[in-house]
């Protein structure tokens, strides 16, 4: 009997497939994982920095600015 796929799964990663070897270490395991992920998949690629990275950079800049504006106590 043929299997019917009725569920969706979304996998996100900030690494391109060519960098997945950093996770799995073994090239065969990496290739197998990628093969299984993309077998019946639609791969969406969004270039550029993500929203969380941009927000973190803004928070760090504000924290740095606030730290330099606060007078230090003797």
C-alpha atoms as a PDB file:
ATOM      1  CA  UNK A   1       0.000   0.000   0.000  1.00  0.00           C
ATOM      2  CA  UNK A   2       1.356   3.438  -0.886  1.00  0.00           C
ATOM      3  CA  UNK A   3       1.854   5.869   1.951  1.00  0.00           C
ATOM      4  CA  UNK A   4      -0.133   9.091   1.857  1.00  0.00           C
ATOM      5  CA  UNK A   5       1.630  12.127   3.205  1.00  0.00           C
ATOM      6  CA  UNK A   6      -0.883  14.339   4.958  1.00  0.00           C
ATOM      7  CA  UNK A   7       1.242  16.293   7.404  1.00  0.00           C
ATOM      8  CA  UNK A   8       3.577  19.196   6.858  1.00  0.00           C
ATOM      9  CA  UNK A   9       6.865  19.798   8.603  1.00  0.00           C
ATOM     10  CA  UNK A  10       8.848  23.008   8.491  1.00  0.00           C
ATOM     11  CA  UNK A  11      12.570  22.878   9.170  1.00  0.00           C
ATOM     12  CA  UNK A  12      14.542  26.094   9.459  1.00  0.00           C
ATOM     13  CA  UNK A  13      18.275  26.545   9.479  1.00  0.00           C
ATOM     14  CA  UNK A  14      20.633  29.453   9.186  1.00  0.00           C
ATOM     15  CA  UNK A  15      23.165  27.156   7.494  1.00  0.00           C
ATOM     16  CA  UNK A  16      23.198  26.404   3.786  1.00  0.00           C
ATOM     17  CA  UNK A  17      23.302  22.699   2.934  1.00  0.00           C
ATOM     18  CA  UNK A  18      27.008  22.912   2.082  1.00  0.00           C
ATOM     19  CA  UNK A  19      27.705  23.831   5.739  1.00  0.00           C
ATOM     20  CA  UNK A  20      25.667  20.978   7.250  1.00  0.00           C
ATOM     21  CA  UNK A  21      28.872  18.957   7.482  1.00  0.00           C
ATOM     22  CA  UNK A  22      29.700  21.122  10.512  1.00  0.00           C
ATOM     23  CA  UNK A  23      26.741  19.548  12.294  1.00  0.00           C
ATOM     24  CA  UNK A  24      26.970  15.884  11.272  1.00  0.00           C
ATOM     25  CA  UNK A  25      30.767  15.628  10.778  1.00  0.00           C
ATOM     26  CA  UNK A  26      30.446  12.489   8.616  1.00  0.00           C
ATOM     27  CA  UNK A  27      29.927  13.264   4.884  1.00  0.00           C
ATOM     28  CA  UNK A  28      27.722  10.182   4.377  1.00  0.00           C
ATOM     29  CA  UNK A  29      25.458  11.142   7.279  1.00  0.00           C
ATOM     30  CA  UNK A  30      25.276  14.715   6.019  1.00  0.00           C
ATOM     31  CA  UNK A  31      24.330  13.604   2.504  1.00  0.00           C
ATOM     32  CA  UNK A  32      21.703  11.199   3.867  1.00  0.00           C
ATOM     33  CA  UNK A  33      20.147  13.871   6.080  1.00  0.00           C
ATOM     34  CA  UNK A  34      19.957  16.394   3.243  1.00  0.00           C
ATOM     35  CA  UNK A  35      18.545  13.746   0.899  1.00  0.00           C
ATOM     36  CA  UNK A  36      15.757  12.887   3.332  1.00  0.00           C
ATOM     37  CA  UNK A  37      14.958  16.527   4.081  1.00  0.00           C
ATOM     38  CA  UNK A  38      14.622  17.596   0.445  1.00  0.00           C
ATOM     39  CA  UNK A  39      13.090  14.394  -1.019  1.00  0.00           C
ATOM     40  CA  UNK A  40       9.487  15.700  -1.235  1.00  0.00           C
ATOM     41  CA  UNK A  41      10.270  19.240  -0.132  1.00  0.00           C
ATOM     42  CA  UNK A  42       9.855  22.759  -1.288  1.00  0.00           C
ATOM     43  CA  UNK A  43      13.037  24.580  -0.305  1.00  0.00           C
ATOM     44  CA  UNK A  44      12.660  28.291   0.353  1.00  0.00           C
ATOM     45  CA  UNK A  45      15.786  30.373   0.643  1.00  0.00           C
ATOM     46  CA  UNK A  46      15.698  33.855   2.111  1.00  0.00           C
ATOM     47  CA  UNK A  47      18.953  35.723   1.525  1.00  0.00           C
ATOM     48  CA  UNK A  48      20.253  38.361   3.905  1.00  0.00           C
ATOM     49  CA  UNK A  49      20.225  38.777   7.642  1.00  0.00           C
ATOM     50  CA  UNK A  50      17.245  37.436   9.540  1.00  0.00           C
ATOM     51  CA  UNK A  51      14.904  39.584  11.605  1.00  0.00           C
ATOM     52  CA  UNK A  52      16.202  38.129  14.902  1.00  0.00           C
ATOM     53  CA  UNK A  53      19.808  38.926  13.970  1.00  0.00           C
ATOM     54  CA  UNK A  54      18.891  42.502  13.085  1.00  0.00           C
ATOM     55  CA  UNK A  55      16.920  42.918  16.331  1.00  0.00           C
ATOM     56  CA  UNK A  56      19.849  41.544  18.363  1.00  0.00           C
ATOM     57  CA  UNK A  57      22.231  44.002  16.680  1.00  0.00           C
ATOM     58  CA  UNK A  58      19.875  46.885  17.473  1.00  0.00           C
ATOM     59  CA  UNK A  59      19.582  45.815  21.126  1.00  0.00           C
ATOM     60  CA  UNK A  60      23.374  45.553  21.414  1.00  0.00           C
ATOM     61  CA  UNK A  61      23.825  49.016  19.895  1.00  0.00           C
ATOM     62  CA  UNK A  62      21.262  50.505  22.302  1.00  0.00           C
ATOM     63  CA  UNK A  63      22.868  48.780  25.289  1.00  0.00           C
ATOM     64  CA  UNK A  64      26.294  50.071  24.269  1.00  0.00           C
ATOM     65  CA  UNK A  65      24.940  53.588  23.814  1.00  0.00           C
ATOM     66  CA  UNK A  66      23.140  53.481  27.178  1.00  0.00           C
ATOM     67  CA  UNK A  67      26.247  52.133  28.938  1.00  0.00           C
ATOM     68  CA  UNK A  68      28.426  54.932  27.570  1.00  0.00           C
ATOM     69  CA  UNK A  69      25.807  57.606  28.426  1.00  0.00           C
ATOM     70  CA  UNK A  70      25.407  56.487  32.034  1.00  0.00           C
ATOM     71  CA  UNK A  71      27.841  58.311  34.332  1.00  0.00           C
ATOM     72  CA  UNK A  72      30.051  55.978  36.341  1.00  0.00           C
ATOM     73  CA  UNK A  73      29.997  56.229  40.102  1.00  0.00           C
ATOM     74  CA  UNK A  74      33.261  56.776  41.933  1.00  0.00           C
END
